[in-house]
Amino acid sequence: MQSSEALALARPALSTDRLLDAPLDELLVDLAVELVDSSITDATFFGAFVEAPDGSRVLSMPPGRSAFERDTAARMLLAERFGLDAPPLLAPLAVSSV
C-alpha cells in the first residue's frame, strides 16, 4: 500500500481554475474524497468536509438538492479546505471550520 504522502504527490495540483472547471466527479477522485449522503435534513445545511485522522476524506451532503446546488456547495467546501481563492459566497451562505 502507498503512503498518504506518496498518494498526495501522485494527485494533480488543485487550482482555482481546476476547481471551477473540472467535472465534480473527477475532482473528487483526484482528491480522494468520498461523497456521501448526509442524514442532516436542516434546510440551512449544505454539506460538510471531514478529514479523518487516517487521512480519509468525506464530503457529506444532504440528498434531494438540485444538481446545481449540490455542485456549488461541494466546490465551496473544497475551496475552503484546500485554501483556494474562490469567488466570494453570496449571503447568507458561509463556510465555517469546526
Protein backbone atom coordinates (compact mmCIF):
# COMPACT_ATOMS: atom_id res chain seq x y z
CA MET A 1 0.00 0.00 0.00
CA GLN A 2 1.20 3.52 -0.77
CA SER A 3 1.71 6.08 1.96
CA SER A 4 -0.58 9.11 2.14
CA GLU A 5 2.41 11.32 1.20
CA ALA A 6 3.01 9.31 -1.97
CA LEU A 7 -0.68 9.47 -2.85
CA ALA A 8 -0.72 13.23 -2.29
CA LEU A 9 2.22 13.63 -4.67
CA ALA A 10 0.50 11.48 -7.31
CA ARG A 11 -2.66 13.62 -7.32
CA PRO A 12 -2.97 16.57 -9.70
CA ALA A 13 -2.49 20.01 -8.14
CA LEU A 14 -5.72 21.81 -7.37
CA SER A 15 -6.00 25.34 -8.68
CA THR A 16 -8.96 27.68 -8.57
CA ASP A 17 -9.42 27.26 -12.33
CA ARG A 18 -9.45 23.48 -12.00
CA LEU A 19 -11.85 23.65 -9.05
CA LEU A 20 -14.30 25.74 -11.06
CA ASP A 21 -13.94 23.99 -14.43
CA ALA A 22 -13.37 20.26 -13.85
CA PRO A 23 -16.30 17.87 -13.52
CA LEU A 24 -17.05 17.37 -9.83
CA ASP A 25 -16.80 13.57 -10.05
CA GLU A 26 -13.29 13.94 -11.49
CA LEU A 27 -12.23 16.36 -8.74
CA LEU A 28 -13.46 14.02 -6.04
CA VAL A 29 -11.49 11.11 -7.49
CA ASP A 30 -8.35 13.22 -7.92
CA LEU A 31 -8.58 14.50 -4.34
CA ALA A 32 -9.54 11.10 -2.89
CA VAL A 33 -12.76 12.48 -1.47
CA GLU A 34 -15.76 10.21 -0.97
CA LEU A 35 -19.16 11.86 -1.50
CA VAL A 36 -21.83 10.54 0.86
CA ASP A 37 -25.42 11.48 1.61
CA SER A 38 -25.87 13.22 4.95
CA SER A 39 -28.69 12.38 7.35
CA ILE A 40 -28.97 16.10 8.27
CA THR A 41 -32.25 17.45 6.90
CA ASP A 42 -31.95 21.08 8.06
CA ALA A 43 -32.64 23.31 5.05
CA THR A 44 -29.74 25.60 6.01
CA PHE A 45 -27.19 22.75 5.90
CA PHE A 46 -25.41 22.46 2.56
CA GLY A 47 -22.69 19.97 3.46
CA ALA A 48 -19.55 19.22 5.42
CA PHE A 49 -16.00 18.26 4.53
CA VAL A 50 -14.44 15.87 7.02
CA GLU A 51 -10.85 14.69 7.07
CA ALA A 52 -10.34 11.74 9.41
CA PRO A 53 -7.14 11.15 11.41
CA ASP A 54 -6.24 8.33 8.99
CA GLY A 55 -6.27 10.85 6.10
CA SER A 56 -9.52 9.69 4.52
CA ARG A 57 -11.75 12.49 3.24
CA VAL A 58 -15.53 12.62 3.13
CA LEU A 59 -17.82 15.23 1.64
CA SER A 60 -21.19 14.76 3.34
CA MET A 61 -24.07 16.46 1.58
CA PRO A 62 -27.84 16.39 2.02
CA PRO A 63 -29.74 14.37 -0.59
CA GLY A 64 -32.59 15.80 -2.61
CA ARG A 65 -30.95 19.09 -3.56
CA SER A 66 -30.71 20.25 -7.16
CA ALA A 67 -27.62 19.24 -9.11
CA PHE A 68 -26.59 22.92 -9.33
CA GLU A 69 -26.93 23.46 -5.58
CA ARG A 70 -25.05 20.27 -4.73
CA ASP A 71 -22.25 21.04 -7.20
CA THR A 72 -21.87 24.62 -5.97
CA ALA A 73 -21.83 23.67 -2.28
CA ALA A 74 -19.28 20.91 -2.92
CA ARG A 75 -16.94 23.31 -4.72
CA MET A 76 -17.32 25.90 -1.92
CA LEU A 77 -16.32 23.33 0.67
CA LEU A 78 -13.39 22.07 -1.40
CA ALA A 79 -12.14 25.64 -1.98
CA GLU A 80 -12.24 26.32 1.75
CA ARG A 81 -10.50 23.06 2.69
CA PHE A 82 -7.70 23.47 0.15
CA GLY A 83 -7.21 27.19 0.77
CA LEU A 84 -8.07 28.36 -2.73
CA ASP A 85 -9.03 31.87 -3.72
CA ALA A 86 -12.56 31.31 -4.93
CA PRO A 87 -15.29 33.82 -5.72
CA PRO A 88 -16.90 35.18 -2.55
CA LEU A 89 -20.02 33.47 -1.26
CA LEU A 90 -23.35 35.18 -1.54
CA ALA A 91 -25.16 35.96 1.71
CA PRO A 92 -26.49 34.12 3.67
CA LEU A 93 -24.03 31.32 2.78
CA ALA A 94 -20.94 30.88 4.92
CA VAL A 95 -18.25 28.25 5.33
CA SER A 96 -17.05 27.58 8.85
CA SER A 97 -14.42 25.31 10.33
CA VAL A 98 -15.04 23.21 13.39
